[in-house]
Amino acid sequence: MKDHFDYVIVGAGSAGAALAARLTEDPGCRVLLLEAGPTDRKQAIHIPAAFSTLYRTDLDWDYFTEPQPALAGRRIFWPRGKMLGGCSSINAMMWVRGFAADYDEWAEHAGPGWSYESVLNYFRRIEDTEAAAGDHQGRGGPMAVSEQRSPSPLTEAFLQACEQVGVPRTSGAEVNGAQPEGVAQTRVSQRRGRRWSTVDGYLRPAKRRPNLTILTGAHTTKVRLEGTRATGVEYVHSGAVRVARAGSEVILCGGAINTPQLLMLSGIGPAGQLRAHGIEVAQNLPEVGQNLQDHLVSALIAHSSSKDTLYAAQSPRQLVRYLTRQRGMLTSNVAEAYGFVRSDDALPLPDLELIFAPAPFVGEGLAKPTGHGITVGPILVRPRSSGEVTLASADPFSAPRIDPRYLSDPEGADMAAMRSGMELSEQILAAPALSRYVQGYMQPGNEVSAAERTDTAIRRHSHTLYHPVGTCRMGNDDGAV
């Protein structure tokens, strides 16, 4: 294989796959895309409801956080996709944008190109939206955004229950708009009942180009520097250390965990931390790995009298239905409905997202449920708590230390918001449209009193919603990564 390219991209996930495809549209541009994991050939990747079966396999980086004091000292499981497509090959396929105000705030800190009006053009170019309603939804782009093929009847019951407790339903024209509010059935990154990852949208069309080289099983261990310029990378492939040179740029697309880890392994990061691990400091950049934020989700899981839950998704009947028609429970993204609400009416924007699954998503998705159930809960949209990713050692094959410091904000605003969301979740479960299917609690169990249920659910059962950000923060100031 050639060792000299114009661009070397580390990580073939959501960002890396898109960049590789876009850059190689120029036939004179040679691109190497390095991926530590394998291809995306495994069938379970493409069956939407099977995503949790990929957890803790060779397709998952299989991370755990440091013990979280606010969450009963638990280490929280953080799955991250380790294959072509990265997390777009292992996620729950929810196609949900942020608020316009979020992007406008980005523009204040990182320049006008991040404003809502600017990023809206890119959303339109990215998307191929089924039954698009409104100019804000894209058509003809590489990423399929579809209506669900076989949503559970319980999802409609959840949406009705929300309306019964005063949470409005959002129309299709408003979904993914400038300020989405209220609840809606989830639009999903699928096509004809099959997951549509960035491999499908970007890499497969680009693989035919002779100027793109994709190498799987290639674990990047270091960015090579000449002075302050990145000139290539070192990586391990088939047991051998190799070097790839980049004439123009090295682009790190390892996400909020692997990218800061690789920077620090390469001598770019907080000088004291690097020296403590025997790493020569190339650039003292204290904020590498800092400002880690994540969407924390808590939930109530109720036993259900309905047989329309995804507990039955792996039955022979559902498997045949999926394999022959690409319909049925296995097309579900599990999180079939969502919506945005305020924990306090005085807030200018919603600070919570509600999520609904016609499934008993117990034990962070790692435990086997004991029967039919449904899941309802809140997610912190704008957490005030923040943490860090730091090195555990100078070994590039060891996981870094991940400490999100959930619910640690001094004012207690995150915990207050979560409690408000849990109270709303109880009201939704008790509303007429949904309560007829509820038969007590599965998680926390019925042995927990009603007064203790909210705090028990938050402290002992909340977990990540898989959206870590911030560790290589943008900005125009000297501290920005």
Protein backbone atom coordinates (compact mmCIF):
# COMPACT_ATOMS: atom_id res chain seq x y z
CA MET A 1 0.00 0.00 0.00
CA LYS A 2 1.15 3.54 -0.68
CA ASP A 3 2.22 5.44 2.41
CA HIS A 4 1.80 8.99 1.11
CA PHE A 5 -1.57 10.72 0.82
CA ASP A 6 -2.98 14.21 0.74
CA TYR A 7 -5.27 13.51 3.68
CA VAL A 8 -5.14 10.88 6.40
CA ILE A 9 -8.44 10.49 8.27
CA VAL A 10 -8.42 8.63 11.59
CA GLY A 11 -11.79 7.01 12.31
CA ALA A 12 -14.39 5.86 9.77
CA GLY A 13 -17.44 6.80 11.82
CA SER A 14 -20.10 9.44 11.31
CA ALA A 15 -17.65 12.25 10.57
CA GLY A 16 -14.80 10.27 9.02
CA ALA A 17 -16.98 8.52 6.46
CA ALA A 18 -18.57 11.78 5.34
CA LEU A 19 -15.22 13.56 5.06
CA ALA A 20 -13.65 10.71 3.08
CA ALA A 21 -16.51 10.80 0.60
CA ARG A 22 -16.51 14.58 0.21
CA LEU A 23 -12.74 14.94 -0.14
CA THR A 24 -12.46 12.20 -2.77
CA GLU A 25 -14.96 13.97 -5.00
CA ASP A 26 -11.81 15.75 -6.16
CA PRO A 27 -10.08 13.07 -8.28
CA GLY A 28 -6.70 14.67 -7.64
CA CYS A 29 -7.04 14.27 -3.86
CA ARG A 30 -5.65 11.04 -2.35
CA VAL A 31 -7.27 10.02 0.94
CA LEU A 32 -6.45 7.27 3.45
CA LEU A 33 -9.24 6.36 5.87
CA LEU A 34 -8.06 4.36 8.91
CA GLU A 35 -10.52 2.39 11.06
CA ALA A 36 -9.50 0.41 14.15
CA GLY A 37 -12.47 -1.94 13.88
CA PRO A 38 -13.69 -4.27 11.13
CA THR A 39 -16.16 -3.77 8.28
CA ASP A 40 -19.90 -3.51 8.84
CA ARG A 41 -20.79 -6.91 7.37
CA LYS A 42 -22.37 -8.43 10.48
CA GLN A 43 -26.11 -8.81 9.94
CA ALA A 44 -27.09 -7.46 13.37
CA ILE A 45 -25.67 -4.05 12.41
CA HIS A 46 -28.30 -3.66 9.72
CA ILE A 47 -31.32 -4.98 11.70
CA PRO A 48 -32.48 -1.86 13.56
CA ALA A 49 -33.81 -3.42 16.78
CA ALA A 50 -30.67 -5.53 17.21
CA PHE A 51 -28.31 -2.67 18.05
CA SER A 52 -27.94 -3.55 21.75
CA THR A 53 -26.76 -7.06 20.80
CA LEU A 54 -23.62 -5.34 19.47
CA TYR A 55 -22.76 -3.99 22.92
CA ARG A 56 -19.60 -5.42 24.51
CA THR A 57 -18.59 -7.22 21.29
CA ASP A 58 -15.60 -6.68 19.02
CA LEU A 59 -17.70 -4.00 17.28
CA ASP A 60 -17.77 -1.86 20.43
CA TRP A 61 -14.98 0.09 22.16
CA ASP A 62 -16.71 -1.10 25.35
CA TYR A 63 -15.91 1.85 27.59
CA PHE A 64 -16.92 2.38 31.21
CA THR A 65 -16.78 5.64 33.13
CA GLU A 66 -15.06 6.23 36.42
CA PRO A 67 -17.36 5.59 39.42
CA GLN A 68 -20.00 8.32 39.55
CA PRO A 69 -20.69 9.58 43.11
CA ALA A 70 -24.10 11.02 42.15
CA LEU A 71 -25.14 7.70 40.56
CA ALA A 72 -24.58 5.44 43.57
CA GLY A 73 -20.90 5.01 42.73
CA ARG A 74 -21.66 3.10 39.53
CA ARG A 75 -19.39 2.86 36.49
CA ILE A 76 -21.63 3.73 33.55
CA PHE A 77 -21.34 1.72 30.35
CA TRP A 78 -20.44 3.81 27.29
CA PRO A 79 -20.72 1.84 24.03
CA ARG A 80 -19.00 3.39 21.00
CA GLY A 81 -19.03 1.89 17.52
CA LYS A 82 -15.76 0.22 16.50
CA MET A 83 -16.37 -0.59 12.84
CA LEU A 84 -16.99 1.15 9.55
CA GLY A 85 -19.71 3.69 10.25
CA GLY A 86 -18.66 4.02 13.89
CA CYS A 87 -21.55 5.00 16.13
CA SER A 88 -23.84 5.41 13.10
CA SER A 89 -23.59 1.60 12.87
CA ILE A 90 -24.49 0.96 16.52
CA ASN A 91 -26.80 3.82 17.54
CA ALA A 92 -30.59 3.99 17.93
CA MET A 93 -31.02 5.80 14.59
CA MET A 94 -32.93 8.79 16.01
CA TRP A 95 -32.71 11.69 13.54
CA VAL A 96 -33.12 14.66 15.87
CA ARG A 97 -31.54 18.08 15.35
CA GLY A 98 -30.71 20.65 17.97
CA PHE A 99 -32.49 23.98 18.43
CA ALA A 100 -31.68 26.95 16.24
CA ALA A 101 -30.57 28.81 19.36
CA ASP A 102 -27.95 26.13 20.03
CA TYR A 103 -26.25 26.69 16.70
CA ASP A 104 -26.49 30.46 17.03
CA GLU A 105 -24.69 30.16 20.36
CA TRP A 106 -21.98 28.10 18.62
CA ALA A 107 -21.61 30.97 16.14
CA GLU A 108 -20.95 33.40 19.00
CA HIS A 109 -18.01 31.28 20.17
CA ALA A 110 -16.64 29.75 16.96
CA GLY A 111 -17.64 32.02 14.08
CA PRO A 112 -20.65 32.72 11.85
CA GLY A 113 -20.28 29.47 9.89
CA TRP A 114 -21.86 27.63 12.82
CA SER A 115 -25.06 29.72 12.96
CA TYR A 116 -28.41 28.04 12.43
CA GLU A 117 -28.87 29.58 8.99
CA SER A 118 -25.44 28.30 7.97
CA VAL A 119 -25.80 24.74 9.29
CA LEU A 120 -29.36 24.50 7.95
CA ASN A 121 -27.93 24.43 4.42
CA TYR A 122 -25.78 21.44 5.39
CA PHE A 123 -28.68 19.60 7.01
CA ARG A 124 -30.61 19.99 3.77
CA ARG A 125 -27.66 18.66 1.76
CA ILE A 126 -27.18 15.70 4.11
CA GLU A 127 -30.79 14.51 4.26
CA ASP A 128 -33.05 12.48 2.03
CA THR A 129 -36.24 12.87 4.05
CA GLU A 130 -39.20 10.60 3.40
CA ALA A 131 -42.43 12.62 3.22
CA ALA A 132 -40.50 15.84 3.74
CA ALA A 133 -42.66 18.65 5.08
CA GLY A 134 -41.18 22.13 4.94
CA ASP A 135 -38.11 23.68 3.36
CA HIS A 136 -36.01 22.91 6.44
CA GLN A 137 -36.06 19.17 5.63
CA GLY A 138 -33.62 17.96 2.99
CA ARG A 139 -34.40 15.86 -0.08
CA GLY A 140 -32.02 13.82 -2.22
CA GLY A 141 -29.04 13.85 0.16
CA PRO A 142 -26.89 10.84 1.10
CA MET A 143 -28.52 10.10 4.48
CA ALA A 144 -31.95 8.49 4.46
CA VAL A 145 -34.39 9.90 7.03
CA SER A 146 -37.52 7.77 7.13
CA GLU A 147 -40.80 7.31 8.86
CA GLN A 148 -40.96 4.13 10.94
CA ARG A 149 -42.28 1.15 9.00
CA SER A 150 -43.94 -0.79 11.82
CA PRO A 151 -44.27 1.33 14.96
CA SER A 152 -45.79 -0.30 18.00
CA PRO A 153 -49.41 0.62 18.85
CA LEU A 154 -48.01 1.50 22.27
CA THR A 155 -46.11 4.40 20.70
CA GLU A 156 -49.38 5.99 19.62
CA ALA A 157 -50.72 5.36 23.13
CA PHE A 158 -47.70 7.20 24.56
CA LEU A 159 -48.29 10.20 22.27
CA GLN A 160 -51.95 10.32 23.30
CA ALA A 161 -50.98 10.04 26.97
CA CYS A 162 -48.65 13.02 26.57
CA GLU A 163 -51.48 15.09 25.14
CA GLN A 164 -53.69 14.03 28.05
CA VAL A 165 -51.20 15.48 30.56
CA GLY A 166 -50.73 18.70 28.60
CA VAL A 167 -47.70 17.94 26.41
CA PRO A 168 -48.67 18.81 22.81
CA ARG A 169 -47.94 16.66 19.79
CA THR A 170 -45.57 18.08 17.17
CA SER A 171 -46.60 17.91 13.53
CA GLY A 172 -44.43 16.35 10.83
CA ALA A 173 -43.79 19.83 9.42
CA GLU A 174 -42.29 20.95 12.74
CA VAL A 175 -40.08 17.92 13.41
CA ASN A 176 -36.42 18.97 13.21
CA GLY A 177 -37.46 22.58 12.77
CA ALA A 178 -35.86 25.66 14.31
CA GLN A 179 -37.48 25.14 17.72
CA PRO A 180 -39.08 21.69 17.99
CA GLU A 181 -41.32 21.38 21.02
CA GLY A 182 -43.82 18.75 22.07
CA VAL A 183 -43.76 15.01 21.30
CA ALA A 184 -43.54 13.14 18.00
CA GLN A 185 -42.90 9.74 16.53
CA THR A 186 -39.18 9.41 15.88
CA ARG A 187 -37.84 9.80 12.37
CA VAL A 188 -35.06 7.33 11.79
CA SER A 189 -31.90 6.92 9.73
CA GLN A 190 -33.24 3.88 7.90
CA ARG A 191 -34.22 2.90 4.41
CA ARG A 192 -36.90 0.25 3.81
CA GLY A 193 -36.63 -1.08 7.34
CA ARG A 194 -32.84 -1.33 7.36
CA ARG A 195 -30.31 0.81 9.21
CA TRP A 196 -28.82 3.51 6.99
CA SER A 197 -25.39 4.39 8.38
CA THR A 198 -22.71 6.70 7.03
CA VAL A 199 -21.27 3.63 5.31
CA ASP A 200 -24.46 3.40 3.26
CA GLY A 201 -24.75 7.13 2.68
CA TYR A 202 -21.12 8.02 2.05
CA LEU A 203 -18.59 5.21 1.98
CA ARG A 204 -20.24 2.70 -0.33
CA PRO A 205 -20.66 5.25 -3.14
CA ALA A 206 -17.11 6.54 -2.54
CA LYS A 207 -15.40 3.14 -2.36
CA ARG A 208 -15.39 2.89 -6.16
CA ARG A 209 -13.09 5.89 -6.41
CA PRO A 210 -9.42 4.98 -6.99
CA ASN A 211 -8.26 7.92 -4.85
CA LEU A 212 -9.83 6.51 -1.64
CA THR A 213 -8.03 3.85 0.41
CA ILE A 214 -9.95 2.34 3.34
CA LEU A 215 -8.01 0.27 5.85
CA THR A 216 -9.85 -1.61 8.63
CA GLY A 217 -8.19 -3.20 11.62
CA ALA A 218 -5.79 -0.23 11.70
CA HIS A 219 -5.34 1.20 15.20
CA THR A 220 -3.76 4.66 15.07
CA THR A 221 -1.30 5.16 17.93
CA LYS A 222 0.30 8.54 17.28
CA VAL A 223 0.15 11.68 15.17
CA ARG A 224 3.60 12.40 13.75
CA LEU A 225 4.73 16.00 14.05
CA GLU A 226 7.43 18.15 12.50
CA GLY A 227 7.55 21.14 14.81
CA THR A 228 3.90 22.11 15.19
CA ARG A 229 2.77 20.59 11.88
CA ALA A 230 1.07 17.20 11.68
CA THR A 231 2.73 15.28 8.85
CA GLY A 232 1.21 11.82 9.25
CA VAL A 233 0.30 9.07 11.68
CA GLU A 234 1.66 5.84 13.08
CA TYR A 235 -0.73 2.91 13.22
CA VAL A 236 -0.70 -0.81 13.93
CA HIS A 237 -2.07 -3.15 11.27
CA SER A 238 -1.73 -6.95 11.22
CA GLY A 239 0.69 -6.73 14.13
CA ALA A 240 3.10 -4.33 12.40
CA VAL A 241 3.72 -0.64 13.09
CA ARG A 242 3.24 1.40 9.92
CA VAL A 243 3.45 5.06 8.96
CA ALA A 244 1.13 7.04 6.68
CA ARG A 245 2.23 10.48 5.54
CA ALA A 246 -0.15 13.36 4.87
CA GLY A 247 0.81 16.12 2.48
CA SER A 248 -2.10 18.36 3.41
CA GLU A 249 -3.82 17.37 6.66
CA VAL A 250 -4.27 14.74 9.32
CA ILE A 251 -7.95 14.73 10.34
CA LEU A 252 -8.94 13.13 13.64
CA CYS A 253 -12.49 11.72 13.67
CA GLY A 254 -12.34 9.50 16.72
CA GLY A 255 -15.10 11.28 18.60
CA ALA A 256 -15.16 12.76 22.08
CA ILE A 257 -13.13 9.93 23.63
CA ASN A 258 -10.63 8.63 21.08
CA THR A 259 -9.68 11.98 19.55
CA PRO A 260 -8.48 13.64 22.79
CA GLN A 261 -6.78 10.39 23.78
CA LEU A 262 -4.83 10.31 20.49
CA LEU A 263 -3.90 13.98 20.80
CA MET A 264 -2.51 13.39 24.28
CA LEU A 265 -0.65 10.25 23.20
CA SER A 266 0.92 12.44 20.50
CA GLY A 267 2.12 15.05 22.99
CA ILE A 268 -0.71 17.54 22.49
CA GLY A 269 -2.62 18.29 25.69
CA PRO A 270 -2.18 19.30 29.34
CA ALA A 271 1.59 19.32 29.90
CA GLY A 272 1.47 18.05 33.47
CA GLN A 273 -0.67 15.08 32.56
CA LEU A 274 1.53 14.18 29.58
CA ARG A 275 4.72 14.33 31.61
CA ALA A 276 3.16 12.16 34.31
CA HIS A 277 2.82 9.42 31.71
CA GLY A 278 6.29 9.94 30.25
CA ILE A 279 5.02 11.59 27.06
CA GLU A 280 7.12 14.36 25.55
CA VAL A 281 5.13 17.60 25.34
CA ALA A 282 4.80 18.91 21.78
CA GLN A 283 2.08 21.45 22.55
CA ASN A 284 0.74 22.38 25.97
CA LEU A 285 -3.00 22.60 25.31
CA PRO A 286 -4.74 22.31 28.70
CA GLU A 287 -8.31 21.95 27.41
CA VAL A 288 -7.72 18.74 25.43
CA GLY A 289 -10.00 16.22 27.11
CA GLN A 290 -11.80 18.85 29.20
CA ASN A 291 -15.41 20.16 28.95
CA LEU A 292 -16.86 16.64 28.59
CA GLN A 293 -20.65 16.70 28.57
CA ASP A 294 -23.16 13.94 27.95
CA HIS A 295 -26.89 13.45 27.75
CA LEU A 296 -27.91 11.60 30.92
CA VAL A 297 -31.15 9.63 30.69
CA SER A 298 -33.23 8.21 33.49
CA ALA A 299 -36.42 6.23 33.07
CA LEU A 300 -39.28 4.35 34.58
CA ILE A 301 -39.78 0.87 33.17
CA ALA A 302 -43.24 -0.57 33.65
CA HIS A 303 -44.50 -4.12 33.23
CA SER A 304 -47.00 -4.19 30.36
CA SER A 305 -50.10 -6.24 29.71
CA SER A 306 -49.68 -5.60 26.00
CA LYS A 307 -47.93 -8.17 23.82
CA ASP A 308 -46.95 -5.40 21.35
CA THR A 309 -43.66 -4.69 23.12
CA LEU A 310 -40.24 -5.46 21.68
CA TYR A 311 -39.82 -8.25 24.23
CA ALA A 312 -41.31 -10.37 21.41
CA ALA A 313 -39.03 -8.92 18.69
CA GLN A 314 -36.78 -11.98 18.52
CA SER A 315 -39.59 -14.46 18.02
CA PRO A 316 -39.45 -16.68 14.89
CA ARG A 317 -42.54 -14.92 13.53
CA GLN A 318 -40.92 -11.48 13.75
CA LEU A 319 -37.66 -12.73 12.28
CA VAL A 320 -39.46 -14.22 9.27
CA ARG A 321 -41.47 -11.04 8.83
CA TYR A 322 -38.30 -8.97 8.82
CA LEU A 323 -36.30 -11.22 6.51
CA THR A 324 -39.11 -11.57 3.97
CA ARG A 325 -40.68 -8.09 4.04
CA GLN A 326 -38.39 -5.83 6.12
CA ARG A 327 -41.32 -5.08 8.40
CA GLY A 328 -42.32 -5.88 11.94
CA MET A 329 -40.74 -5.34 15.35
CA LEU A 330 -37.17 -5.79 14.15
CA THR A 331 -37.45 -2.58 12.11
CA SER A 332 -37.92 -0.65 15.37
CA ASN A 333 -35.22 1.75 16.51
CA VAL A 334 -36.49 0.99 20.08
CA ALA A 335 -36.79 4.71 20.97
CA GLU A 336 -39.92 5.14 18.86
CA ALA A 337 -41.08 8.52 20.22
CA TYR A 338 -39.51 11.58 21.79
CA GLY A 339 -40.25 15.20 22.57
CA PHE A 340 -38.94 18.36 24.20
CA VAL A 341 -40.35 19.92 27.39
CA ARG A 342 -39.36 22.48 30.02
CA SER A 343 -38.68 21.56 33.63
CA ASP A 344 -39.62 25.17 34.44
CA ASP A 345 -42.10 27.21 32.41
CA ALA A 346 -39.90 30.29 32.82
CA LEU A 347 -37.09 28.74 30.74
CA PRO A 348 -36.66 30.21 27.24
CA LEU A 349 -36.11 26.75 25.69
CA PRO A 350 -36.87 23.16 26.65
CA ASP A 351 -34.18 21.66 28.88
CA LEU A 352 -35.48 18.09 28.80
CA GLU A 353 -36.14 15.54 26.11
CA LEU A 354 -38.71 12.82 26.79
CA ILE A 355 -38.07 9.40 25.33
CA PHE A 356 -40.38 6.42 24.89
CA ALA A 357 -39.57 2.83 24.04
CA PRO A 358 -42.20 0.09 23.62
CA ALA A 359 -39.60 -2.13 25.23
CA PRO A 360 -38.16 -2.87 28.69
CA PHE A 361 -34.68 -1.32 28.22
CA VAL A 362 -33.31 -2.60 31.54
CA GLY A 363 -29.82 -2.51 32.98
CA GLU A 364 -28.40 0.03 30.48
CA GLY A 365 -29.43 -2.31 27.67
CA LEU A 366 -27.14 -5.04 29.00
CA ALA A 367 -29.65 -7.02 31.06
CA LYS A 368 -32.20 -9.47 29.72
CA PRO A 369 -35.76 -8.37 30.52
CA THR A 370 -38.08 -10.77 32.30
CA GLY A 371 -41.22 -9.93 30.34
CA HIS A 372 -43.16 -7.35 28.38
CA GLY A 373 -42.54 -3.74 29.38
CA ILE A 374 -42.35 -0.11 28.29
CA THR A 375 -39.83 2.64 29.07
CA VAL A 376 -40.53 6.36 29.64
CA GLY A 377 -38.03 8.90 30.88
CA PRO A 378 -36.29 12.30 30.66
CA ILE A 379 -32.94 13.27 29.16
CA LEU A 380 -30.90 16.31 30.17
CA VAL A 381 -30.65 18.39 27.00
CA ARG A 382 -28.28 21.09 28.30
CA PRO A 383 -26.39 19.57 31.25
CA ARG A 384 -24.55 22.01 33.49
CA SER A 385 -22.28 19.29 34.83
CA SER A 386 -19.07 18.61 32.95
CA GLY A 387 -16.16 16.22 33.25
CA GLU A 388 -13.06 15.09 31.41
CA VAL A 389 -11.26 12.43 29.41
CA THR A 390 -7.73 11.82 30.66
CA LEU A 391 -5.05 9.24 30.00
CA ALA A 392 -4.90 6.13 32.14
CA SER A 393 -1.50 5.27 30.68
CA ALA A 394 0.73 5.92 27.68
CA ASP A 395 -0.40 2.61 26.16
CA PRO A 396 -2.47 3.47 23.05
CA PHE A 397 -4.35 0.18 23.40
CA SER A 398 -5.58 0.97 26.92
CA ALA A 399 -8.84 2.81 27.44
CA PRO A 400 -8.60 6.37 28.73
CA ARG A 401 -10.24 7.51 31.95
CA ILE A 402 -13.74 8.83 31.30
CA ASP A 403 -15.29 10.93 34.05
CA PRO A 404 -18.46 12.80 33.01
CA ARG A 405 -19.18 13.84 36.63
CA TYR A 406 -22.90 13.42 36.15
CA LEU A 407 -25.18 15.63 38.29
CA SER A 408 -22.20 17.43 39.83
CA ASP A 409 -23.14 21.03 39.06
CA PRO A 410 -22.91 23.05 42.31
CA GLU A 411 -26.39 24.58 41.99
CA GLY A 412 -28.07 21.18 41.65
CA ALA A 413 -29.91 22.33 38.51
CA ASP A 414 -29.32 19.06 36.64
CA MET A 415 -30.79 16.96 39.44
CA ALA A 416 -33.76 19.32 39.82
CA ALA A 417 -34.49 19.09 36.09
CA MET A 418 -34.25 15.29 36.12
CA ARG A 419 -36.65 15.05 39.06
CA SER A 420 -39.12 17.25 37.20
CA GLY A 421 -38.83 15.01 34.14
CA MET A 422 -39.34 11.87 36.20
CA GLU A 423 -42.49 13.32 37.77
CA LEU A 424 -43.82 14.08 34.28
CA SER A 425 -42.96 10.53 33.20
CA GLU A 426 -45.05 9.14 36.08
CA GLN A 427 -47.96 11.34 35.01
CA ILE A 428 -47.69 10.04 31.43
CA LEU A 429 -47.67 6.42 32.59
CA ALA A 430 -50.76 7.17 34.70
CA ALA A 431 -52.66 8.88 31.86
CA PRO A 432 -55.67 6.92 30.51
CA ALA A 433 -54.17 6.15 27.09
CA LEU A 434 -51.17 4.36 28.61
CA SER A 435 -52.20 3.29 32.11
CA ARG A 436 -54.42 0.49 30.79
CA TYR A 437 -51.25 -1.28 29.61
CA VAL A 438 -49.25 -0.71 32.83
CA GLN A 439 -49.00 -3.43 35.48
CA GLY A 440 -46.59 -2.10 38.09
CA TYR A 441 -42.92 -1.26 37.85
CA MET A 442 -40.04 -3.36 36.56
CA GLN A 443 -37.23 -0.81 37.12
CA PRO A 444 -37.16 0.38 39.85
CA GLY A 445 -39.23 -2.52 41.15
CA ASN A 446 -42.46 -2.38 43.09
CA GLU A 447 -40.52 -2.86 46.35
CA VAL A 448 -39.48 0.81 46.06
CA SER A 449 -42.04 3.21 47.52
CA ALA A 450 -43.64 5.88 45.37
CA ALA A 451 -41.82 8.56 47.39
CA GLU A 452 -38.43 6.93 46.71
CA ARG A 453 -39.05 5.93 43.10
CA THR A 454 -37.72 9.06 41.38
CA ASP A 455 -34.41 9.29 43.24
CA THR A 456 -33.86 5.53 43.06
CA ALA A 457 -34.39 5.56 39.30
CA ILE A 458 -32.01 8.48 38.85
CA ARG A 459 -29.24 7.32 41.17
CA ARG A 460 -29.32 3.57 40.52
CA HIS A 461 -30.58 3.20 36.95
CA SER A 462 -29.83 6.32 34.87
CA HIS A 463 -27.23 5.97 32.13
CA THR A 464 -25.78 7.63 29.05
CA LEU A 465 -27.83 8.43 25.98
CA TYR A 466 -24.57 7.98 24.04
CA HIS A 467 -23.88 11.62 23.09
CA PRO A 468 -20.51 12.64 24.63
CA VAL A 469 -19.19 15.98 23.34
CA GLY A 470 -16.90 18.86 24.16
CA THR A 471 -13.45 17.35 24.74
CA CYS A 472 -11.90 19.18 21.76
CA ARG A 473 -13.99 22.29 22.05
CA MET A 474 -14.34 24.85 19.29
CA GLY A 475 -13.69 28.53 19.75
CA ASN A 476 -11.69 31.58 18.64
CA ASP A 477 -9.86 32.01 21.96
CA ASP A 478 -6.37 30.73 22.79
CA GLY A 479 -7.71 27.89 24.92
CA ALA A 480 -9.83 26.34 22.19
CA VAL A 481 -8.63 22.97 20.92
